[in-house]
C-alpha atoms as a PDB file:
ATOM      1  CA  UNK A   1       6.714   9.824 -23.675  1.00  0.00           C
ATOM      2  CA  UNK A   2       9.547   7.647 -24.089  1.00  0.00           C
ATOM      3  CA  UNK A   3      11.029   4.391 -22.056  1.00  0.00           C
ATOM      4  CA  UNK A   4      13.020   5.718 -19.205  1.00  0.00           C
ATOM      5  CA  UNK A   5      10.995   9.037 -18.689  1.00  0.00           C
ATOM      6  CA  UNK A   6       9.629   9.472 -15.080  1.00  0.00           C
ATOM      7  CA  UNK A   7       6.100  10.336 -14.124  1.00  0.00           C
ATOM      8  CA  UNK A   8       4.181  11.120 -10.652  1.00  0.00           C
ATOM      9  CA  UNK A   9       0.474  10.417  -9.689  1.00  0.00           C
ATOM     10  CA  UNK A  10      -1.249  14.043  -9.304  1.00  0.00           C
ATOM     11  CA  UNK A  11      -4.607  12.317  -9.136  1.00  0.00           C
ATOM     12  CA  UNK A  12      -6.311  10.705  -6.202  1.00  0.00           C
ATOM     13  CA  UNK A  13      -6.189   7.300  -7.230  1.00  0.00           C
ATOM     14  CA  UNK A  14      -5.073   5.633 -10.464  1.00  0.00           C
ATOM     15  CA  UNK A  15      -5.705   2.059 -11.633  1.00  0.00           C
ATOM     16  CA  UNK A  16      -2.556   0.104 -12.702  1.00  0.00           C
ATOM     17  CA  UNK A  17      -3.617  -2.963 -14.924  1.00  0.00           C
ATOM     18  CA  UNK A  18      -1.958  -6.138 -16.100  1.00  0.00           C
ATOM     19  CA  UNK A  19      -2.788  -5.367 -19.644  1.00  0.00           C
ATOM     20  CA  UNK A  20      -3.059  -2.213 -21.752  1.00  0.00           C
ATOM     21  CA  UNK A  21      -6.761  -1.945 -21.605  1.00  0.00           C
ATOM     22  CA  UNK A  22      -9.543  -0.602 -19.583  1.00  0.00           C
ATOM     23  CA  UNK A  23     -11.030  -4.397 -19.557  1.00  0.00           C
ATOM     24  CA  UNK A  24      -7.786  -5.647 -17.942  1.00  0.00           C
ATOM     25  CA  UNK A  25      -7.594  -6.807 -14.057  1.00  0.00           C
ATOM     26  CA  UNK A  26      -6.293  -3.931 -11.929  1.00  0.00           C
ATOM     27  CA  UNK A  27      -3.497  -5.577 -10.062  1.00  0.00           C
ATOM     28  CA  UNK A  28      -2.306  -2.338  -7.957  1.00  0.00           C
ATOM     29  CA  UNK A  29      -2.610   1.499  -7.834  1.00  0.00           C
ATOM     30  CA  UNK A  30      -0.884   4.680  -7.442  1.00  0.00           C
ATOM     31  CA  UNK A  31      -2.135   7.219  -4.980  1.00  0.00           C
ATOM     32  CA  UNK A  32      -1.312  10.623  -5.052  1.00  0.00           C
ATOM     33  CA  UNK A  33       2.476  11.099  -4.841  1.00  0.00           C
ATOM     34  CA  UNK A  34       3.615   7.787  -5.959  1.00  0.00           C
ATOM     35  CA  UNK A  35       6.241   8.215  -8.493  1.00  0.00           C
ATOM     36  CA  UNK A  36       7.374   5.677 -11.324  1.00  0.00           C
ATOM     37  CA  UNK A  37       9.542   5.084 -14.412  1.00  0.00           C
ATOM     38  CA  UNK A  38       7.950   4.182 -18.053  1.00  0.00           C
ATOM     39  CA  UNK A  39       9.261   0.910 -19.010  1.00  0.00           C
ATOM     40  CA  UNK A  40       7.309   0.149 -22.027  1.00  0.00           C
ATOM     41  CA  UNK A  41       4.952   2.324 -24.345  1.00  0.00           C
ATOM     42  CA  UNK A  42       2.160   0.531 -26.051  1.00  0.00           C
ATOM     43  CA  UNK A  43       1.912   0.623 -30.181  1.00  0.00           C
ATOM     44  CA  UNK A  44      -1.053   2.749 -29.933  1.00  0.00           C
ATOM     45  CA  UNK A  45       0.488   5.030 -27.524  1.00  0.00           C
ATOM     46  CA  UNK A  46      -2.563   4.958 -25.363  1.00  0.00           C
ATOM     47  CA  UNK A  47      -0.954   3.183 -21.928  1.00  0.00           C
ATOM     48  CA  UNK A  48       2.382   3.222 -20.344  1.00  0.00           C
ATOM     49  CA  UNK A  49       3.487   0.067 -18.643  1.00  0.00           C
ATOM     50  CA  UNK A  50       5.337   1.427 -15.352  1.00  0.00           C
ATOM     51  CA  UNK A  51       7.640   0.433 -12.471  1.00  0.00           C
ATOM     52  CA  UNK A  52       6.526   2.011  -9.389  1.00  0.00           C
ATOM     53  CA  UNK A  53       9.605   3.398  -7.181  1.00  0.00           C
ATOM     54  CA  UNK A  54       8.841   2.236  -3.757  1.00  0.00           C
ATOM     55  CA  UNK A  55       8.020  -1.391  -4.421  1.00  0.00           C
ATOM     56  CA  UNK A  56       8.950  -1.961  -8.090  1.00  0.00           C
ATOM     57  CA  UNK A  57       5.552  -3.257  -8.996  1.00  0.00           C
ATOM     58  CA  UNK A  58       4.943  -3.265 -12.398  1.00  0.00           C
ATOM     59  CA  UNK A  59       1.774  -2.374 -14.470  1.00  0.00           C
ATOM     60  CA  UNK A  60      -0.155  -0.315 -17.304  1.00  0.00           C
ATOM     61  CA  UNK A  61      -1.562   2.969 -16.602  1.00  0.00           C
ATOM     62  CA  UNK A  62      -3.626   5.308 -19.200  1.00  0.00           C
ATOM     63  CA  UNK A  63      -1.548   7.929 -20.700  1.00  0.00           C
ATOM     64  CA  UNK A  64      -4.313  10.345 -19.942  1.00  0.00           C
ATOM     65  CA  UNK A  65      -3.466   9.795 -16.089  1.00  0.00           C
ATOM     66  CA  UNK A  66       0.504  10.170 -16.642  1.00  0.00           C
ATOM     67  CA  UNK A  67       1.945  13.220 -15.016  1.00  0.00           C
ATOM     68  CA  UNK A  68       5.372  13.849 -16.319  1.00  0.00           C
ATOM     69  CA  UNK A  69       8.267  15.081 -13.986  1.00  0.00           C
ATOM     70  CA  UNK A  70      12.139  15.467 -14.785  1.00  0.00           C
ATOM     71  CA  UNK A  71      15.065  13.166 -13.826  1.00  0.00           C
ATOM     72  CA  UNK A  72      16.152  15.794 -11.147  1.00  0.00           C
ATOM     73  CA  UNK A  73      12.618  15.955  -9.402  1.00  0.00           C
ATOM     74  CA  UNK A  74      12.503  12.048  -9.619  1.00  0.00           C
ATOM     75  CA  UNK A  75      15.540  11.697  -7.699  1.00  0.00           C
ATOM     76  CA  UNK A  76      14.801  14.678  -5.524  1.00  0.00           C
ATOM     77  CA  UNK A  77      11.976  12.857  -4.321  1.00  0.00           C
ATOM     78  CA  UNK A  78      14.255   9.690  -4.048  1.00  0.00           C
ATOM     79  CA  UNK A  79      16.183  11.689  -1.206  1.00  0.00           C
ATOM     80  CA  UNK A  80      13.534  13.682   0.518  1.00  0.00           C
ATOM     81  CA  UNK A  81      12.326  12.516   3.679  1.00  0.00           C
ATOM     82  CA  UNK A  82       8.580  13.324   2.440  1.00  0.00           C
ATOM     83  CA  UNK A  83       5.251  13.428   4.520  1.00  0.00           C
ATOM     84  CA  UNK A  84       2.417  10.461   4.554  1.00  0.00           C
ATOM     85  CA  UNK A  85      -0.949  11.348   4.855  1.00  0.00           C
ATOM     86  CA  UNK A  86      -2.318   9.921   7.614  1.00  0.00           C
ATOM     87  CA  UNK A  87      -5.967  11.148   7.797  1.00  0.00           C
ATOM     88  CA  UNK A  88      -8.785   8.248   6.128  1.00  0.00           C
ATOM     89  CA  UNK A  89      -9.410  10.974   3.753  1.00  0.00           C
ATOM     90  CA  UNK A  90      -8.374  14.533   3.081  1.00  0.00           C
ATOM     91  CA  UNK A  91      -8.254  17.336   0.620  1.00  0.00           C
ATOM     92  CA  UNK A  92      -5.084  19.391  -0.750  1.00  0.00           C
ATOM     93  CA  UNK A  93      -4.673  22.496  -2.678  1.00  0.00           C
ATOM     94  CA  UNK A  94      -2.576  21.488  -5.594  1.00  0.00           C
ATOM     95  CA  UNK A  95      -1.592  23.994  -7.912  1.00  0.00           C
ATOM     96  CA  UNK A  96      -4.853  25.982  -6.716  1.00  0.00           C
ATOM     97  CA  UNK A  97      -6.873  23.152  -7.328  1.00  0.00           C
ATOM     98  CA  UNK A  98      -8.548  21.039  -4.414  1.00  0.00           C
ATOM     99  CA  UNK A  99      -8.004  17.230  -4.491  1.00  0.00           C
ATOM    100  CA  UNK A 100      -8.847  14.433  -2.614  1.00  0.00           C
ATOM    101  CA  UNK A 101      -6.444  12.071  -1.335  1.00  0.00           C
ATOM    102  CA  UNK A 102      -6.557   9.098   0.871  1.00  0.00           C
ATOM    103  CA  UNK A 103      -4.534   7.602   3.606  1.00  0.00           C
ATOM    104  CA  UNK A 104      -1.189   6.704   2.106  1.00  0.00           C
ATOM    105  CA  UNK A 105      -0.509   9.273  -0.369  1.00  0.00           C
ATOM    106  CA  UNK A 106       2.707  10.844  -0.373  1.00  0.00           C
ATOM    107  CA  UNK A 107       2.833  14.560   0.262  1.00  0.00           C
ATOM    108  CA  UNK A 108       5.736  16.884  -1.274  1.00  0.00           C
ATOM    109  CA  UNK A 109       6.627  18.034   2.050  1.00  0.00           C
ATOM    110  CA  UNK A 110       9.659  18.366   3.660  1.00  0.00           C
ATOM    111  CA  UNK A 111      11.531  18.995   6.945  1.00  0.00           C
ATOM    112  CA  UNK A 112      14.877  19.440   5.175  1.00  0.00           C
ATOM    113  CA  UNK A 113      15.730  23.297   4.842  1.00  0.00           C
ATOM    114  CA  UNK A 114      17.501  22.712   1.745  1.00  0.00           C
ATOM    115  CA  UNK A 115      14.369  21.222   0.036  1.00  0.00           C
ATOM    116  CA  UNK A 116      13.165  23.428  -2.832  1.00  0.00           C
ATOM    117  CA  UNK A 117       9.588  22.879  -3.558  1.00  0.00           C
ATOM    118  CA  UNK A 118       9.012  22.671  -7.181  1.00  0.00           C
ATOM    119  CA  UNK A 119       5.006  22.422  -6.967  1.00  0.00           C
ATOM    120  CA  UNK A 120       2.211  24.734  -4.918  1.00  0.00           C
ATOM    121  CA  UNK A 121       0.648  22.798  -2.297  1.00  0.00           C
ATOM    122  CA  UNK A 122      -1.313  23.152   0.617  1.00  0.00           C
ATOM    123  CA  UNK A 123      -2.416  20.751   3.218  1.00  0.00           C
ATOM    124  CA  UNK A 124      -3.613  20.901   7.098  1.00  0.00           C
ATOM    125  CA  UNK A 125      -4.386  17.274   7.512  1.00  0.00           C
ATOM    126  CA  UNK A 126      -2.592  14.691   9.889  1.00  0.00           C
ATOM    127  CA  UNK A 127       0.548  13.516   8.390  1.00  0.00           C
ATOM    128  CA  UNK A 128       3.890  12.123   9.401  1.00  0.00           C
ATOM    129  CA  UNK A 129       7.670  11.287   7.916  1.00  0.00           C
ATOM    130  CA  UNK A 130       7.594   8.645   5.752  1.00  0.00           C
ATOM    131  CA  UNK A 131      11.010   7.273   7.689  1.00  0.00           C
ATOM    132  CA  UNK A 132       9.784   7.594  11.322  1.00  0.00           C
ATOM    133  CA  UNK A 133       9.255   4.086  12.052  1.00  0.00           C
ATOM    134  CA  UNK A 134       6.555   3.431  14.898  1.00  0.00           C
ATOM    135  CA  UNK A 135       5.330   0.839  17.467  1.00  0.00           C
ATOM    136  CA  UNK A 136       2.647  -1.517  17.072  1.00  0.00           C
ATOM    137  CA  UNK A 137       0.158   0.457  19.217  1.00  0.00           C
ATOM    138  CA  UNK A 138       0.137   3.080  16.186  1.00  0.00           C
ATOM    139  CA  UNK A 139       0.624   0.575  13.454  1.00  0.00           C
ATOM    140  CA  UNK A 140      -2.846  -1.254  14.962  1.00  0.00           C
ATOM    141  CA  UNK A 141      -4.619   2.724  15.173  1.00  0.00           C
ATOM    142  CA  UNK A 142      -3.521   3.089  11.306  1.00  0.00           C
ATOM    143  CA  UNK A 143      -4.864  -0.436  10.395  1.00  0.00           C
ATOM    144  CA  UNK A 144      -8.329   0.277  12.344  1.00  0.00           C
ATOM    145  CA  UNK A 145      -8.884   3.313  10.032  1.00  0.00           C
ATOM    146  CA  UNK A 146      -9.371   0.793   7.081  1.00  0.00           C
ATOM    147  CA  UNK A 147     -12.170  -1.321   8.911  1.00  0.00           C
ATOM    148  CA  UNK A 148     -15.097  -1.755   6.636  1.00  0.00           C
ATOM    149  CA  UNK A 149     -13.358  -0.573   3.381  1.00  0.00           C
ATOM    150  CA  UNK A 150     -14.808  -3.011   1.062  1.00  0.00           C
ATOM    151  CA  UNK A 151     -12.423  -5.543  -0.703  1.00  0.00           C
ATOM    152  CA  UNK A 152     -11.032  -4.707  -4.107  1.00  0.00           C
ATOM    153  CA  UNK A 153      -8.428  -6.892  -5.850  1.00  0.00           C
ATOM    154  CA  UNK A 154      -5.509  -4.600  -6.568  1.00  0.00           C
ATOM    155  CA  UNK A 155      -7.266  -2.103  -4.093  1.00  0.00           C
ATOM    156  CA  UNK A 156      -4.842   0.235  -1.897  1.00  0.00           C
ATOM    157  CA  UNK A 157      -7.483   2.818  -0.714  1.00  0.00           C
ATOM    158  CA  UNK A 158     -10.138   2.930   1.952  1.00  0.00           C
ATOM    159  CA  UNK A 159     -12.935   2.930  -0.712  1.00  0.00           C
ATOM    160  CA  UNK A 160     -11.564  -0.444  -1.921  1.00  0.00           C
ATOM    161  CA  UNK A 161      -8.571  -2.842  -0.823  1.00  0.00           C
ATOM    162  CA  UNK A 162      -6.979  -6.302  -1.128  1.00  0.00           C
ATOM    163  CA  UNK A 163      -5.312  -8.022   1.480  1.00  0.00           C
ATOM    164  CA  UNK A 164      -1.905  -7.411   0.550  1.00  0.00           C
ATOM    165  CA  UNK A 165      -2.514  -3.770  -0.162  1.00  0.00           C
ATOM    166  CA  UNK A 166      -3.915  -3.494   3.240  1.00  0.00           C
ATOM    167  CA  UNK A 167      -0.412  -4.868   4.900  1.00  0.00           C
ATOM    168  CA  UNK A 168       1.659  -3.003   2.695  1.00  0.00           C
ATOM    169  CA  UNK A 169      -0.029   0.409   3.294  1.00  0.00           C
ATOM    170  CA  UNK A 170      -0.520   0.157   7.058  1.00  0.00           C
ATOM    171  CA  UNK A 171       3.176  -0.656   7.472  1.00  0.00           C
ATOM    172  CA  UNK A 172       4.224   2.010   4.680  1.00  0.00           C
ATOM    173  CA  UNK A 173       2.443   4.369   6.821  1.00  0.00           C
ATOM    174  CA  UNK A 174       4.374   3.050  10.138  1.00  0.00           C
ATOM    175  CA  UNK A 175       8.216   3.314   8.200  1.00  0.00           C
ATOM    176  CA  UNK A 176       8.235  -0.145   6.946  1.00  0.00           C
ATOM    177  CA  UNK A 177       8.492  -1.115   3.564  1.00  0.00           C
ATOM    178  CA  UNK A 178       7.024  -4.150   2.243  1.00  0.00           C
ATOM    179  CA  UNK A 179       6.575  -5.930  -1.522  1.00  0.00           C
ATOM    180  CA  UNK A 180       2.954  -5.554  -2.768  1.00  0.00           C
ATOM    181  CA  UNK A 181       1.739  -9.276  -3.082  1.00  0.00           C
ATOM    182  CA  UNK A 182       1.236 -11.645  -0.013  1.00  0.00           C
ATOM    183  CA  UNK A 183       3.507 -13.929  -2.034  1.00  0.00           C
ATOM    184  CA  UNK A 184       6.420 -11.448  -1.972  1.00  0.00           C
ATOM    185  CA  UNK A 185       5.839 -10.200   1.770  1.00  0.00           C
ATOM    186  CA  UNK A 186       6.182 -13.718   3.064  1.00  0.00           C
ATOM    187  CA  UNK A 187       9.620 -13.609   2.531  1.00  0.00           C
ATOM    188  CA  UNK A 188      10.285 -10.315   4.402  1.00  0.00           C
ATOM    189  CA  UNK A 189      11.075 -10.169   8.233  1.00  0.00           C
ATOM    190  CA  UNK A 190      11.811 -13.307  10.221  1.00  0.00           C
ATOM    191  CA  UNK A 191      10.071 -16.442  10.898  1.00  0.00           C
ATOM    192  CA  UNK A 192       7.933 -17.282  13.686  1.00  0.00           C
ATOM    193  CA  UNK A 193       8.003 -20.478  14.815  1.00  0.00           C
ATOM    194  CA  UNK A 194       4.453 -21.054  16.720  1.00  0.00           C
ATOM    195  CA  UNK A 195       1.301 -19.146  17.110  1.00  0.00           C
ATOM    196  CA  UNK A 196       2.335 -19.496  20.871  1.00  0.00           C
ATOM    197  CA  UNK A 197       5.269 -17.430  19.796  1.00  0.00           C
ATOM    198  CA  UNK A 198       3.617 -14.327  17.698  1.00  0.00           C
ATOM    199  CA  UNK A 199       3.344 -10.931  18.828  1.00  0.00           C
ATOM    200  CA  UNK A 200       1.215  -8.353  17.991  1.00  0.00           C
ATOM    201  CA  UNK A 201       2.190  -6.821  14.447  1.00  0.00           C
ATOM    202  CA  UNK A 202       3.432 -10.288  13.205  1.00  0.00           C
ATOM    203  CA  UNK A 203       2.047 -11.326   9.880  1.00  0.00           C
ATOM    204  CA  UNK A 204      -0.005 -14.187   9.407  1.00  0.00           C
ATOM    205  CA  UNK A 205       0.106 -15.820   6.116  1.00  0.00           C
ATOM    206  CA  UNK A 206      -2.571 -18.332   4.925  1.00  0.00           C
ATOM    207  CA  UNK A 207      -2.714 -21.092   1.830  1.00  0.00           C
ATOM    208  CA  UNK A 208      -4.698 -22.467  -0.803  1.00  0.00           C
ATOM    209  CA  UNK A 209      -5.361 -25.800  -2.184  1.00  0.00           C
ATOM    210  CA  UNK A 210      -1.936 -26.005  -3.528  1.00  0.00           C
ATOM    211  CA  UNK A 211      -0.096 -24.665  -0.495  1.00  0.00           C
ATOM    212  CA  UNK A 212       0.785 -21.419  -1.911  1.00  0.00           C
ATOM    213  CA  UNK A 213       0.609 -18.360  -0.203  1.00  0.00           C
ATOM    214  CA  UNK A 214      -2.986 -16.595  -0.928  1.00  0.00           C
ATOM    215  CA  UNK A 215      -3.839 -14.414   2.136  1.00  0.00           C
ATOM    216  CA  UNK A 216      -1.914 -12.159   4.442  1.00  0.00           C
ATOM    217  CA  UNK A 217      -3.291 -10.509   7.676  1.00  0.00           C
ATOM    218  CA  UNK A 218      -1.659  -8.568  10.821  1.00  0.00           C
ATOM    219  CA  UNK A 219      -2.033  -9.965  14.101  1.00  0.00           C
ATOM    220  CA  UNK A 220      -3.496  -7.538  16.579  1.00  0.00           C
ATOM    221  CA  UNK A 221      -2.957  -9.987  19.782  1.00  0.00           C
ATOM    222  CA  UNK A 222      -5.934 -11.640  22.043  1.00  0.00           C
ATOM    223  CA  UNK A 223      -6.192 -14.258  19.034  1.00  0.00           C
ATOM    224  CA  UNK A 224      -7.530 -11.824  16.736  1.00  0.00           C
ATOM    225  CA  UNK A 225      -6.036 -10.578  13.209  1.00  0.00           C
ATOM    226  CA  UNK A 226      -7.426  -7.508  10.960  1.00  0.00           C
ATOM    227  CA  UNK A 227      -7.545  -8.364   7.280  1.00  0.00           C
ATOM    228  CA  UNK A 228      -9.242  -8.098   3.977  1.00  0.00           C
ATOM    229  CA  UNK A 229     -11.568 -10.362   3.308  1.00  0.00           C
ATOM    230  CA  UNK A 230     -14.988  -9.247   1.535  1.00  0.00           C
ATOM    231  CA  UNK A 231     -14.084  -6.072   3.904  1.00  0.00           C
ATOM    232  CA  UNK A 232     -11.534  -5.380   6.032  1.00  0.00           C
ATOM    233  CA  UNK A 233     -12.374  -6.927   9.347  1.00  0.00           C
ATOM    234  CA  UNK A 234     -11.261  -8.468  12.733  1.00  0.00           C
ATOM    235  CA  UNK A 235     -11.900 -11.959  12.969  1.00  0.00           C
ATOM    236  CA  UNK A 236     -10.302 -14.684  15.612  1.00  0.00           C
ATOM    237  CA  UNK A 237      -6.923 -16.546  14.950  1.00  0.00           C
ATOM    238  CA  UNK A 238      -6.056 -20.218  15.690  1.00  0.00           C
ATOM    239  CA  UNK A 239      -3.799 -22.887  14.863  1.00  0.00           C
ATOM    240  CA  UNK A 240      -6.230 -23.914  11.896  1.00  0.00           C
ATOM    241  CA  UNK A 241      -6.497 -20.431  10.614  1.00  0.00           C
ATOM    242  CA  UNK A 242      -9.034 -17.480  10.100  1.00  0.00           C
ATOM    243  CA  UNK A 243     -12.097 -17.879  12.204  1.00  0.00           C
ATOM    244  CA  UNK A 244     -15.185 -16.082  11.171  1.00  0.00           C
ATOM    245  CA  UNK A 245     -16.205 -14.238  14.144  1.00  0.00           C
ATOM    246  CA  UNK A 246     -19.776 -15.046  13.515  1.00  0.00           C
ATOM    247  CA  UNK A 247     -20.117 -18.340  12.012  1.00  0.00           C
ATOM    248  CA  UNK A 248     -16.991 -19.860  13.714  1.00  0.00           C
ATOM    249  CA  UNK A 249     -16.350 -21.274  10.231  1.00  0.00           C
ATOM    250  CA  UNK A 250     -12.760 -21.417   9.208  1.00  0.00           C
ATOM    251  CA  UNK A 251     -12.181 -19.173   6.085  1.00  0.00           C
ATOM    252  CA  UNK A 252      -8.687 -19.276   5.571  1.00  0.00           C
ATOM    253  CA  UNK A 253      -6.195 -22.035   6.160  1.00  0.00           C
ATOM    254  CA  UNK A 254      -3.186 -20.898   8.566  1.00  0.00           C
ATOM    255  CA  UNK A 255       0.461 -21.364   6.941  1.00  0.00           C
ATOM    256  CA  UNK A 256       2.881 -19.581   8.420  1.00  0.00           C
ATOM    257  CA  UNK A 257       3.891 -16.082  10.362  1.00  0.00           C
ATOM    258  CA  UNK A 258       6.644 -13.598   9.870  1.00  0.00           C
ATOM    259  CA  UNK A 259       8.203 -10.516  12.058  1.00  0.00           C
ATOM    260  CA  UNK A 260       8.464  -7.414  10.748  1.00  0.00           C
ATOM    261  CA  UNK A 261       8.632  -4.927  13.426  1.00  0.00           C
ATOM    262  CA  UNK A 262      11.687  -5.658  15.470  1.00  0.00           C
ATOM    263  CA  UNK A 263      11.636  -5.110  19.243  1.00  0.00           C
END
């Protein structure tokens, strides 16, 4: 394990931490099929600081959860239109072992006739091509699959997910690439001037006490938004912000809107 070597996630979900310690906060997760580059090795060689390929996010993983791949295979992945799992949960037969995977996992399956399979994998679930862009109705269906998933800082799975992880995963499944954090996502797409001009599929951002972006959700239309707060839920949205559908209280202060899905 050296700087510059490549790896891929071959477990269901792998925590990525802020520091080289099991006690450190989880900042994101690797899902099955996510690949990365080693950019640092801890002094005790028990931790690897990695940069994920698809969103350039950086964090530490346990060396015991590292699965090495060659530069050639890494580049092959980059150039292949792989499939992405659209089942909430599923099971694959990988190298003669059953592994449970979750929605958003990347499968080394390609329609390219020149594709050469380096690994033994069988999958009978629902999936779509990574590059295929889908419309709002499909995006809405995907987002609703996460309903009631518990909130978990740094999470990207239906068993624990945060607000920006939800947005990133849903859009990735629908063929759109977004950064990991809400503070990064706010720079993508085009600005939507007012709530009256927003459309279903737009991203709504919310600010904290110092006006910095702290929360994000997906506008569903009909003055509703799906977001992760305590759990993935659908609440009301107005000019003040997110309004708890049961209590009527404003839980997040509205800041601005961005449009990623082009007409």
